[in-house]
Amino acid sequence: MNKKTAVITSNGDNLTSEVDSRFGRCSYMIFIDPLTMEYESVKNPFLEEISGVGPKTAQFIIDRGVNLVLTGEPGPHAEEVLKSSGIKVIPGLSGRKNQEVLKNYTKNA
């Protein structure tokens, strides 16, 4: 699959799911190219870990070449890791449909 430029932390594995309120413990990460809407859904590999999940999830996202994160509420450590890598983070989107969030972002970008 091609490199995606955005990720949505999601409570489900598709675009009709909602943005998860959690960043590090989100159920899925949806990596997406906002221009083509081609996406790949990945189950969060850190979901069951005890600690440090926010920074681990952030590094996982960085390693996939993402430059935009659409999410609920990232913790301060995760947000610091993302921002220090130059990744734009848009928080406060929990409970909204992934499609709606993405459409609003591309409309206003």
Foldseek 3Di string as FASTA:
>chain_A
DDQAAEKAQFQDFDQQTWAAQEQLQGQWIWGAHLVVRDIGIDGRPCNPPDDDSLCVSLVVCVVSPYQEYEHEDRDPVNVVSNVVSNHHYDYRRGPHGNNVVSVVVVVVD
